[in-house]
Amino acid sequence: MLQEPRKDIRIVILGDSIISAAGDPKGMGWVGRVTSKTPANAPRVDIFALPAPDETTSKLSERWAQEVQRRFSDQTENRLVIALNNLDPAAGISISRSRLNIATIVDEAKRAGIESFLVGPTPHRNPELNSEIEHLASGFEDVASRRGIPFVDCFRPLVEHEGWNQEIANTEHGLPGQIGHGLIAWLVLNRGWYEWLGLPEPE
């Protein structure tokens, strides 16, 4: 029996400025690096990155549905990547509220037939904030674990990384540069990306 060809895949990536190429002299960002390593034919894969600077999880929960509805189709396999940031604690949003915001998004996405993939928050250039961000990352990881969806921990691998910390310390906006974007891309690609998409890993 012949197997029906797989639907084209559309991936929407939501997050703050870190999903743009801001700060990367190569102009690729981590999303561009991941896209370049993702097989794009048979099935066709289209990736749409939609950054919103300084966005908390509360703001994300308000815009996510409208963003994906404009880009998804009944004729495609629809997938959502949420690149979680480290802004909620400074904005006065509790970890429990942050968790609830993301849990609500992925639950609503699941009911709509959309599979989710979470990329965790990165360390802050102010070390005093990192303890709370670590708790935030753990909370997001628990949300993913309870739902059986992939979670990429970007905090623990990077918090003591010399190259990462040098880059974010030397920029006015605290965004990573070429090294940092490359590190995030490596983590994403090696923490379940191809398995989540059901695609072969390029040799």
C-alpha atoms as a PDB file:
ATOM      1  CA  MET A   1       0.000   0.000   0.000  1.00  0.00           C
ATOM      2  CA  LEU A   2       1.438   3.339  -1.051  1.00  0.00           C
ATOM      3  CA  GLN A   3       1.975   5.817   1.755  1.00  0.00           C
ATOM      4  CA  GLU A   4       0.451   9.237   1.257  1.00  0.00           C
ATOM      5  CA  PRO A   5       3.035  12.020   0.914  1.00  0.00           C
ATOM      6  CA  ARG A   6       3.554  13.994   4.065  1.00  0.00           C
ATOM      7  CA  LYS A   7       2.003  17.432   4.330  1.00  0.00           C
ATOM      8  CA  ASP A   8       4.226  20.485   4.079  1.00  0.00           C
ATOM      9  CA  ILE A   9       5.382  21.717   7.496  1.00  0.00           C
ATOM     10  CA  ARG A  10       4.916  25.263   8.744  1.00  0.00           C
ATOM     11  CA  ILE A  11       6.778  26.319  11.871  1.00  0.00           C
ATOM     12  CA  VAL A  12       6.042  29.575  13.681  1.00  0.00           C
ATOM     13  CA  ILE A  13       8.688  30.700  16.184  1.00  0.00           C
ATOM     14  CA  LEU A  14       7.498  33.197  18.790  1.00  0.00           C
ATOM     15  CA  GLY A  15       9.727  35.068  21.217  1.00  0.00           C
ATOM     16  CA  ASP A  16      11.385  38.369  21.969  1.00  0.00           C
ATOM     17  CA  SER A  17      14.409  39.943  20.269  1.00  0.00           C
ATOM     18  CA  ILE A  18      16.537  36.835  20.772  1.00  0.00           C
ATOM     19  CA  ILE A  19      14.767  35.114  17.863  1.00  0.00           C
ATOM     20  CA  SER A  20      15.816  37.954  15.581  1.00  0.00           C
ATOM     21  CA  ALA A  21      19.348  38.341  14.270  1.00  0.00           C
ATOM     22  CA  ALA A  22      19.911  41.409  16.464  1.00  0.00           C
ATOM     23  CA  GLY A  23      23.437  41.379  17.833  1.00  0.00           C
ATOM     24  CA  ASP A  24      24.721  38.796  15.341  1.00  0.00           C
ATOM     25  CA  PRO A  25      27.256  40.271  12.903  1.00  0.00           C
ATOM     26  CA  LYS A  26      26.468  37.445  10.479  1.00  0.00           C
ATOM     27  CA  GLY A  27      22.818  38.462  10.444  1.00  0.00           C
ATOM     28  CA  MET A  28      21.589  34.889  10.938  1.00  0.00           C
ATOM     29  CA  GLY A  29      20.687  34.621  14.604  1.00  0.00           C
ATOM     30  CA  TRP A  30      20.087  31.197  16.086  1.00  0.00           C
ATOM     31  CA  VAL A  31      16.900  30.797  14.066  1.00  0.00           C
ATOM     32  CA  GLY A  32      18.773  31.290  10.794  1.00  0.00           C
ATOM     33  CA  ARG A  33      21.366  28.737  11.838  1.00  0.00           C
ATOM     34  CA  VAL A  34      18.687  26.199  12.755  1.00  0.00           C
ATOM     35  CA  THR A  35      16.844  26.871   9.489  1.00  0.00           C
ATOM     36  CA  SER A  36      20.017  26.275   7.471  1.00  0.00           C
ATOM     37  CA  LYS A  37      20.434  22.860   9.147  1.00  0.00           C
ATOM     38  CA  THR A  38      16.805  21.794   8.694  1.00  0.00           C
ATOM     39  CA  PRO A  39      15.913  19.741   5.576  1.00  0.00           C
ATOM     40  CA  ALA A  40      13.478  21.907   3.631  1.00  0.00           C
ATOM     41  CA  ASN A  41      12.205  19.552   0.939  1.00  0.00           C
ATOM     42  CA  ALA A  42      10.098  16.363   0.919  1.00  0.00           C
ATOM     43  CA  PRO A  43       8.297  17.613   2.928  1.00  0.00           C
ATOM     44  CA  ARG A  44       8.679  21.321   2.385  1.00  0.00           C
ATOM     45  CA  VAL A  45       9.483  23.156   5.619  1.00  0.00           C
ATOM     46  CA  ASP A  46       8.743  26.863   6.048  1.00  0.00           C
ATOM     47  CA  ILE A  47       9.882  28.652   9.209  1.00  0.00           C
ATOM     48  CA  PHE A  48       8.412  31.998  10.277  1.00  0.00           C
ATOM     49  CA  ALA A  49      10.159  33.823  13.139  1.00  0.00           C
ATOM     50  CA  LEU A  50       7.998  36.535  14.713  1.00  0.00           C
ATOM     51  CA  PRO A  51       9.908  38.461  17.387  1.00  0.00           C
ATOM     52  CA  ALA A  52       8.317  41.027  19.698  1.00  0.00           C
ATOM     53  CA  PRO A  53      10.921  42.974  21.724  1.00  0.00           C
ATOM     54  CA  ASP A  54      10.598  42.961  25.519  1.00  0.00           C
ATOM     55  CA  GLU A  55       7.679  40.548  25.469  1.00  0.00           C
ATOM     56  CA  THR A  56       6.635  38.841  28.692  1.00  0.00           C
ATOM     57  CA  THR A  57       4.731  35.558  28.795  1.00  0.00           C
ATOM     58  CA  SER A  58       1.569  37.539  29.542  1.00  0.00           C
ATOM     59  CA  LYS A  59       1.962  39.559  26.350  1.00  0.00           C
ATOM     60  CA  LEU A  60       2.836  36.420  24.422  1.00  0.00           C
ATOM     61  CA  SER A  61      -0.334  34.710  25.607  1.00  0.00           C
ATOM     62  CA  GLU A  62      -2.333  37.612  24.182  1.00  0.00           C
ATOM     63  CA  ARG A  63      -0.861  37.506  20.670  1.00  0.00           C
ATOM     64  CA  TRP A  64       0.083  33.897  19.966  1.00  0.00           C
ATOM     65  CA  ALA A  65      -3.250  32.662  18.579  1.00  0.00           C
ATOM     66  CA  GLN A  66      -3.684  35.513  16.128  1.00  0.00           C
ATOM     67  CA  GLU A  67      -0.088  35.167  14.934  1.00  0.00           C
ATOM     68  CA  VAL A  68      -0.349  31.461  14.126  1.00  0.00           C
ATOM     69  CA  GLN A  69      -3.835  31.664  12.611  1.00  0.00           C
ATOM     70  CA  ARG A  70      -2.504  34.050   9.984  1.00  0.00           C
ATOM     71  CA  ARG A  71       0.250  31.639   8.965  1.00  0.00           C
ATOM     72  CA  PHE A  72      -1.097  28.139   9.466  1.00  0.00           C
ATOM     73  CA  SER A  73      -3.331  26.178   7.113  1.00  0.00           C
ATOM     74  CA  ASP A  74      -5.520  23.093   7.195  1.00  0.00           C
ATOM     75  CA  GLN A  75      -3.380  21.814   4.330  1.00  0.00           C
ATOM     76  CA  THR A  76      -0.128  21.952   6.312  1.00  0.00           C
ATOM     77  CA  GLU A  77       1.385  20.295   9.361  1.00  0.00           C
ATOM     78  CA  ASN A  78       1.457  23.157  11.867  1.00  0.00           C
ATOM     79  CA  ARG A  79       4.066  23.480  14.607  1.00  0.00           C
ATOM     80  CA  LEU A  80       4.842  26.116  17.226  1.00  0.00           C
ATOM     81  CA  VAL A  81       8.204  26.982  18.785  1.00  0.00           C
ATOM     82  CA  ILE A  82       8.173  29.254  21.828  1.00  0.00           C
ATOM     83  CA  ALA A  83      11.524  30.832  22.657  1.00  0.00           C
ATOM     84  CA  LEU A  84      10.985  31.724  26.301  1.00  0.00           C
ATOM     85  CA  ASN A  85      12.780  34.764  27.658  1.00  0.00           C
ATOM     86  CA  ASN A  86      14.014  35.879  31.067  1.00  0.00           C
ATOM     87  CA  LEU A  87      11.952  39.063  31.393  1.00  0.00           C
ATOM     88  CA  ASP A  88       9.060  37.934  33.600  1.00  0.00           C
ATOM     89  CA  PRO A  89      10.795  38.247  37.014  1.00  0.00           C
ATOM     90  CA  ALA A  90      11.876  41.841  36.359  1.00  0.00           C
ATOM     91  CA  ALA A  91       8.338  42.633  35.143  1.00  0.00           C
ATOM     92  CA  GLY A  92       6.876  41.452  38.452  1.00  0.00           C
ATOM     93  CA  ILE A  93       5.291  38.308  37.005  1.00  0.00           C
ATOM     94  CA  SER A  94       5.442  35.359  39.398  1.00  0.00           C
ATOM     95  CA  ILE A  95       6.891  32.044  38.306  1.00  0.00           C
ATOM     96  CA  SER A  96       3.520  30.381  38.849  1.00  0.00           C
ATOM     97  CA  ARG A  97       1.863  32.923  36.546  1.00  0.00           C
ATOM     98  CA  SER A  98       4.622  32.477  33.948  1.00  0.00           C
ATOM     99  CA  ARG A  99       4.104  28.720  34.042  1.00  0.00           C
ATOM    100  CA  LEU A 100       0.346  29.117  33.704  1.00  0.00           C
ATOM    101  CA  ASN A 101       0.721  31.462  30.727  1.00  0.00           C
ATOM    102  CA  ILE A 102       2.869  28.966  28.825  1.00  0.00           C
ATOM    103  CA  ALA A 103       0.819  25.943  29.886  1.00  0.00           C
ATOM    104  CA  THR A 104      -2.315  27.636  28.577  1.00  0.00           C
ATOM    105  CA  ILE A 105      -0.672  28.364  25.221  1.00  0.00           C
ATOM    106  CA  VAL A 106       0.598  24.823  24.646  1.00  0.00           C
ATOM    107  CA  ASP A 107      -2.675  23.284  25.814  1.00  0.00           C
ATOM    108  CA  GLU A 108      -4.695  25.483  23.479  1.00  0.00           C
ATOM    109  CA  ALA A 109      -2.247  24.736  20.668  1.00  0.00           C
ATOM    110  CA  LYS A 110      -2.582  21.000  21.267  1.00  0.00           C
ATOM    111  CA  ARG A 111      -6.367  21.220  21.059  1.00  0.00           C
ATOM    112  CA  ALA A 112      -5.939  23.007  17.717  1.00  0.00           C
ATOM    113  CA  GLY A 113      -3.704  20.211  16.414  1.00  0.00           C
ATOM    114  CA  ILE A 114      -0.491  22.224  16.801  1.00  0.00           C
ATOM    115  CA  GLU A 115       2.590  20.527  18.272  1.00  0.00           C
ATOM    116  CA  SER A 116       4.794  22.717  20.495  1.00  0.00           C
ATOM    117  CA  PHE A 117       8.536  22.910  21.179  1.00  0.00           C
ATOM    118  CA  LEU A 118       9.906  25.068  24.010  1.00  0.00           C
ATOM    119  CA  VAL A 119      13.301  26.772  24.054  1.00  0.00           C
ATOM    120  CA  GLY A 120      14.139  27.860  27.588  1.00  0.00           C
ATOM    121  CA  PRO A 121      15.319  31.275  28.795  1.00  0.00           C
ATOM    122  CA  THR A 122      18.972  32.236  28.602  1.00  0.00           C
ATOM    123  CA  PRO A 123      21.115  33.620  31.453  1.00  0.00           C
ATOM    124  CA  HIS A 124      21.034  37.358  32.127  1.00  0.00           C
ATOM    125  CA  ARG A 125      24.085  39.584  31.992  1.00  0.00           C
ATOM    126  CA  ASN A 126      23.259  40.648  35.557  1.00  0.00           C
ATOM    127  CA  PRO A 127      24.304  37.583  37.623  1.00  0.00           C
ATOM    128  CA  GLU A 128      22.058  38.669  40.498  1.00  0.00           C
ATOM    129  CA  LEU A 129      19.010  37.849  38.370  1.00  0.00           C
ATOM    130  CA  ASN A 130      20.132  34.381  37.371  1.00  0.00           C
ATOM    131  CA  SER A 131      18.946  32.537  40.461  1.00  0.00           C
ATOM    132  CA  GLU A 132      15.361  33.535  39.755  1.00  0.00           C
ATOM    133  CA  ILE A 133      15.783  32.833  36.036  1.00  0.00           C
ATOM    134  CA  GLU A 134      17.009  29.337  36.866  1.00  0.00           C
ATOM    135  CA  HIS A 135      13.798  28.738  38.835  1.00  0.00           C
ATOM    136  CA  LEU A 136      11.832  30.118  35.894  1.00  0.00           C
ATOM    137  CA  ALA A 137      13.587  27.756  33.496  1.00  0.00           C
ATOM    138  CA  SER A 138      12.838  24.817  35.797  1.00  0.00           C
ATOM    139  CA  GLY A 139       9.185  25.826  35.876  1.00  0.00           C
ATOM    140  CA  PHE A 140       8.982  25.919  32.091  1.00  0.00           C
ATOM    141  CA  GLU A 141      10.752  22.576  31.871  1.00  0.00           C
ATOM    142  CA  ASP A 142       8.165  21.079  34.222  1.00  0.00           C
ATOM    143  CA  VAL A 143       5.334  22.397  32.021  1.00  0.00           C
ATOM    144  CA  ALA A 144       6.926  20.679  29.034  1.00  0.00           C
ATOM    145  CA  SER A 145       7.651  17.448  30.893  1.00  0.00           C
ATOM    146  CA  ARG A 146       4.074  17.118  32.127  1.00  0.00           C
ATOM    147  CA  ARG A 147       2.836  17.413  28.555  1.00  0.00           C
ATOM    148  CA  GLY A 148       5.487  15.295  26.877  1.00  0.00           C
ATOM    149  CA  ILE A 149       6.780  18.086  24.661  1.00  0.00           C
ATOM    150  CA  PRO A 150      10.431  18.953  23.977  1.00  0.00           C
ATOM    151  CA  PHE A 151      12.197  21.506  26.150  1.00  0.00           C
ATOM    152  CA  VAL A 152      15.663  22.868  25.411  1.00  0.00           C
ATOM    153  CA  ASP A 153      17.484  24.051  28.528  1.00  0.00           C
ATOM    154  CA  CYS A 154      19.521  27.103  27.520  1.00  0.00           C
ATOM    155  CA  PHE A 155      20.170  28.322  31.053  1.00  0.00           C
ATOM    156  CA  ARG A 156      22.361  25.680  32.681  1.00  0.00           C
ATOM    157  CA  PRO A 157      24.639  25.056  29.674  1.00  0.00           C
ATOM    158  CA  LEU A 158      25.278  28.799  29.223  1.00  0.00           C
ATOM    159  CA  VAL A 159      25.266  30.374  32.679  1.00  0.00           C
ATOM    160  CA  GLU A 160      28.981  29.660  33.230  1.00  0.00           C
ATOM    161  CA  HIS A 161      29.995  29.740  29.549  1.00  0.00           C
ATOM    162  CA  GLU A 162      32.812  32.244  29.079  1.00  0.00           C
ATOM    163  CA  GLY A 163      32.016  33.128  25.460  1.00  0.00           C
ATOM    164  CA  TRP A 164      28.339  33.647  26.208  1.00  0.00           C
ATOM    165  CA  ASN A 165      28.980  35.868  29.221  1.00  0.00           C
ATOM    166  CA  GLN A 166      31.566  37.979  27.430  1.00  0.00           C
ATOM    167  CA  GLU A 167      29.208  38.692  24.563  1.00  0.00           C
ATOM    168  CA  ILE A 168      26.170  39.667  26.601  1.00  0.00           C
ATOM    169  CA  ALA A 169      28.291  41.776  28.951  1.00  0.00           C
ATOM    170  CA  ASN A 170      29.739  43.776  26.069  1.00  0.00           C
ATOM    171  CA  THR A 171      26.492  44.752  24.347  1.00  0.00           C
ATOM    172  CA  GLU A 172      24.200  47.605  25.285  1.00  0.00           C
ATOM    173  CA  HIS A 173      21.045  45.485  24.926  1.00  0.00           C
ATOM    174  CA  GLY A 174      22.387  42.279  26.501  1.00  0.00           C
ATOM    175  CA  LEU A 175      21.721  40.178  23.402  1.00  0.00           C
ATOM    176  CA  PRO A 176      24.181  37.500  22.305  1.00  0.00           C
ATOM    177  CA  GLY A 177      26.423  37.846  19.277  1.00  0.00           C
ATOM    178  CA  GLN A 178      27.781  35.299  16.855  1.00  0.00           C
ATOM    179  CA  ILE A 179      29.016  32.934  19.569  1.00  0.00           C
ATOM    180  CA  GLY A 180      25.824  33.072  21.616  1.00  0.00           C
ATOM    181  CA  HIS A 181      23.481  32.553  18.687  1.00  0.00           C
ATOM    182  CA  GLY A 182      25.638  29.648  17.569  1.00  0.00           C
ATOM    183  CA  LEU A 183      25.424  28.084  21.030  1.00  0.00           C
ATOM    184  CA  ILE A 184      21.629  28.356  21.168  1.00  0.00           C
ATOM    185  CA  ALA A 185      21.344  26.872  17.673  1.00  0.00           C
ATOM    186  CA  TRP A 186      23.563  23.941  18.677  1.00  0.00           C
ATOM    187  CA  LEU A 187      21.452  23.263  21.759  1.00  0.00           C
ATOM    188  CA  VAL A 188      18.201  23.345  19.774  1.00  0.00           C
ATOM    189  CA  LEU A 189      19.515  21.099  17.005  1.00  0.00           C
ATOM    190  CA  ASN A 190      20.919  18.574  19.471  1.00  0.00           C
ATOM    191  CA  ARG A 191      18.025  18.457  21.935  1.00  0.00           C
ATOM    192  CA  GLY A 192      15.257  16.870  19.908  1.00  0.00           C
ATOM    193  CA  TRP A 193      14.700  19.185  16.925  1.00  0.00           C
ATOM    194  CA  TYR A 194      14.882  16.551  14.201  1.00  0.00           C
ATOM    195  CA  GLU A 195      12.958  13.989  16.250  1.00  0.00           C
ATOM    196  CA  TRP A 196      10.194  16.520  16.902  1.00  0.00           C
ATOM    197  CA  LEU A 197       9.871  17.238  13.203  1.00  0.00           C
ATOM    198  CA  GLY A 198      10.226  13.605  12.188  1.00  0.00           C
ATOM    199  CA  LEU A 199      13.024  14.536   9.809  1.00  0.00           C
ATOM    200  CA  PRO A 200      16.427  12.940   9.219  1.00  0.00           C
ATOM    201  CA  GLU A 201      19.428  14.679  10.709  1.00  0.00           C
ATOM    202  CA  PRO A 202      21.723  15.988   7.951  1.00  0.00           C
ATOM    203  CA  GLU A 203      25.072  14.241   7.743  1.00  0.00           C
END
